[in-house]
Amino acid sequence: MIWVVKQFTTHQILEVGQERVRFPIRVEIEYQQEKAQVSSGSVHKKILYNKPFLLKRYPQLKERDLDLLVEERVMKAIHDHLIFSDGAE
């Protein structure tokens, strides 16, 4: 059994008024792996993006909605990362 730490960047696109905003989200995941199996209860994540800037630049955005959108994107990116990196290493 080993602990794996991986970092990657994903992007989210927002439609704000007539603007389309694409911003990076830095993700760090840490999980326990035994052979090729990831222990689902062991997955921990850290998310970093420039939330204060986005909320200041686009005051019509609600913090809760932005958090939910980012969380959704990150969970999909983690899922894709774990599925597709399984056989690549």
C-alpha atoms as a PDB file:
ATOM      1  CA  MET A   1       0.000   0.000   0.000  1.00  0.00           C
ATOM      2  CA  ILE A   2       1.280   3.467  -0.900  1.00  0.00           C
ATOM      3  CA  TRP A   3       0.072   7.045  -0.611  1.00  0.00           C
ATOM      4  CA  VAL A   4       0.010   8.968  -3.872  1.00  0.00           C
ATOM      5  CA  VAL A   5       0.000  12.744  -4.242  1.00  0.00           C
ATOM      6  CA  LYS A   6      -0.755  14.237  -7.640  1.00  0.00           C
ATOM      7  CA  GLN A   7      -1.195  17.812  -8.792  1.00  0.00           C
ATOM      8  CA  PHE A   8      -2.843  18.995 -11.964  1.00  0.00           C
ATOM      9  CA  THR A   9      -4.666  21.967 -13.411  1.00  0.00           C
ATOM     10  CA  THR A  10      -8.156  21.993 -14.858  1.00  0.00           C
ATOM     11  CA  HIS A  11     -10.146  24.909 -16.228  1.00  0.00           C
ATOM     12  CA  GLN A  12     -13.676  26.192 -15.755  1.00  0.00           C
ATOM     13  CA  ILE A  13     -15.598  28.366 -18.188  1.00  0.00           C
ATOM     14  CA  LEU A  14     -18.138  30.891 -16.943  1.00  0.00           C
ATOM     15  CA  GLU A  15     -20.678  32.778 -19.009  1.00  0.00           C
ATOM     16  CA  VAL A  16     -20.952  36.162 -17.260  1.00  0.00           C
ATOM     17  CA  GLY A  17     -23.197  38.562 -19.125  1.00  0.00           C
ATOM     18  CA  GLN A  18     -21.727  38.771 -22.602  1.00  0.00           C
ATOM     19  CA  GLU A  19     -18.302  37.627 -21.428  1.00  0.00           C
ATOM     20  CA  ARG A  20     -16.914  34.138 -21.474  1.00  0.00           C
ATOM     21  CA  VAL A  21     -14.364  33.668 -18.696  1.00  0.00           C
ATOM     22  CA  ARG A  22     -11.985  30.702 -18.563  1.00  0.00           C
ATOM     23  CA  PHE A  23     -10.013  30.359 -15.339  1.00  0.00           C
ATOM     24  CA  PRO A  24      -7.550  27.755 -14.051  1.00  0.00           C
ATOM     25  CA  ILE A  25      -8.163  25.596 -11.002  1.00  0.00           C
ATOM     26  CA  ARG A  26      -5.159  23.956  -9.358  1.00  0.00           C
ATOM     27  CA  VAL A  27      -6.004  20.587  -7.814  1.00  0.00           C
ATOM     28  CA  GLU A  28      -3.945  18.427  -5.489  1.00  0.00           C
ATOM     29  CA  ILE A  29      -5.215  14.954  -4.666  1.00  0.00           C
ATOM     30  CA  GLU A  30      -3.824  12.524  -2.160  1.00  0.00           C
ATOM     31  CA  TYR A  31      -5.019   8.952  -1.966  1.00  0.00           C
ATOM     32  CA  GLN A  32      -4.120   5.481  -0.782  1.00  0.00           C
ATOM     33  CA  GLN A  33      -3.421   2.916  -3.487  1.00  0.00           C
ATOM     34  CA  GLU A  34      -2.914  -0.797  -3.190  1.00  0.00           C
ATOM     35  CA  LYS A  35      -1.877  -2.458  -6.444  1.00  0.00           C
ATOM     36  CA  ALA A  36      -4.099  -0.781  -9.045  1.00  0.00           C
ATOM     37  CA  GLN A  37      -6.960  -0.045  -6.644  1.00  0.00           C
ATOM     38  CA  VAL A  38      -7.633   3.359  -5.109  1.00  0.00           C
ATOM     39  CA  SER A  39      -9.244   3.311  -1.691  1.00  0.00           C
ATOM     40  CA  SER A  40     -12.218   5.647  -2.279  1.00  0.00           C
ATOM     41  CA  GLY A  41     -12.405   6.707   1.366  1.00  0.00           C
ATOM     42  CA  SER A  42      -8.796   7.830   1.281  1.00  0.00           C
ATOM     43  CA  VAL A  43      -9.119  10.538  -1.388  1.00  0.00           C
ATOM     44  CA  HIS A  44      -8.388  14.039  -0.081  1.00  0.00           C
ATOM     45  CA  LYS A  45      -8.330  17.123  -2.268  1.00  0.00           C
ATOM     46  CA  LYS A  46      -7.073  20.684  -2.131  1.00  0.00           C
ATOM     47  CA  ILE A  47      -8.452  23.280  -4.527  1.00  0.00           C
ATOM     48  CA  LEU A  48      -6.831  26.577  -5.405  1.00  0.00           C
ATOM     49  CA  TYR A  49      -8.229  29.247  -7.710  1.00  0.00           C
ATOM     50  CA  ASN A  50      -8.513  33.030  -7.617  1.00  0.00           C
ATOM     51  CA  LYS A  51     -11.956  33.218  -6.037  1.00  0.00           C
ATOM     52  CA  PRO A  52     -11.576  36.730  -4.534  1.00  0.00           C
ATOM     53  CA  PHE A  53     -10.669  38.161  -7.945  1.00  0.00           C
ATOM     54  CA  LEU A  54     -13.615  36.479  -9.677  1.00  0.00           C
ATOM     55  CA  LEU A  55     -16.100  37.682  -7.052  1.00  0.00           C
ATOM     56  CA  LYS A  56     -14.717  41.227  -7.194  1.00  0.00           C
ATOM     57  CA  ARG A  57     -14.526  41.376 -11.010  1.00  0.00           C
ATOM     58  CA  TYR A  58     -17.992  39.855 -11.486  1.00  0.00           C
ATOM     59  CA  PRO A  59     -20.165  41.100  -8.590  1.00  0.00           C
ATOM     60  CA  GLN A  60     -23.234  39.378 -10.075  1.00  0.00           C
ATOM     61  CA  LEU A  61     -21.654  36.017  -9.221  1.00  0.00           C
ATOM     62  CA  LYS A  62     -22.826  34.465  -5.994  1.00  0.00           C
ATOM     63  CA  GLU A  63     -20.075  32.851  -3.919  1.00  0.00           C
ATOM     64  CA  ARG A  64     -22.141  29.745  -3.226  1.00  0.00           C
ATOM     65  CA  ASP A  65     -22.900  29.227  -6.939  1.00  0.00           C
ATOM     66  CA  LEU A  66     -19.219  29.675  -7.824  1.00  0.00           C
ATOM     67  CA  ASP A  67     -18.191  27.197  -5.111  1.00  0.00           C
ATOM     68  CA  LEU A  68     -20.675  24.604  -6.380  1.00  0.00           C
ATOM     69  CA  LEU A  69     -19.590  25.076  -9.998  1.00  0.00           C
ATOM     70  CA  VAL A  70     -15.907  24.701  -9.102  1.00  0.00           C
ATOM     71  CA  GLU A  71     -16.585  21.686  -6.878  1.00  0.00           C
ATOM     72  CA  GLU A  72     -18.511  19.995  -9.695  1.00  0.00           C
ATOM     73  CA  ARG A  73     -15.691  20.645 -12.188  1.00  0.00           C
ATOM     74  CA  VAL A  74     -13.016  19.442  -9.752  1.00  0.00           C
ATOM     75  CA  MET A  75     -14.869  16.220  -8.933  1.00  0.00           C
ATOM     76  CA  LYS A  76     -15.230  15.441 -12.654  1.00  0.00           C
ATOM     77  CA  ALA A  77     -11.536  16.216 -13.224  1.00  0.00           C
ATOM     78  CA  ILE A  78     -10.508  13.974 -10.307  1.00  0.00           C
ATOM     79  CA  HIS A  79     -12.718  11.175 -11.585  1.00  0.00           C
ATOM     80  CA  ASP A  80     -11.280  11.502 -15.094  1.00  0.00           C
ATOM     81  CA  HIS A  81      -7.748  11.728 -13.728  1.00  0.00           C
ATOM     82  CA  LEU A  82      -8.109   8.570 -11.625  1.00  0.00           C
ATOM     83  CA  ILE A  83      -9.799   6.606 -14.420  1.00  0.00           C
ATOM     84  CA  PHE A  84      -7.447   7.611 -17.239  1.00  0.00           C
ATOM     85  CA  SER A  85      -4.185   7.623 -15.303  1.00  0.00           C
ATOM     86  CA  ASP A  86      -4.835   4.116 -13.983  1.00  0.00           C
ATOM     87  CA  GLY A  87      -3.195   2.315 -16.893  1.00  0.00           C
ATOM     88  CA  ALA A  88      -0.779   5.084 -17.890  1.00  0.00           C
ATOM     89  CA  GLU A  89       1.699   4.597 -15.074  1.00  0.00           C
END
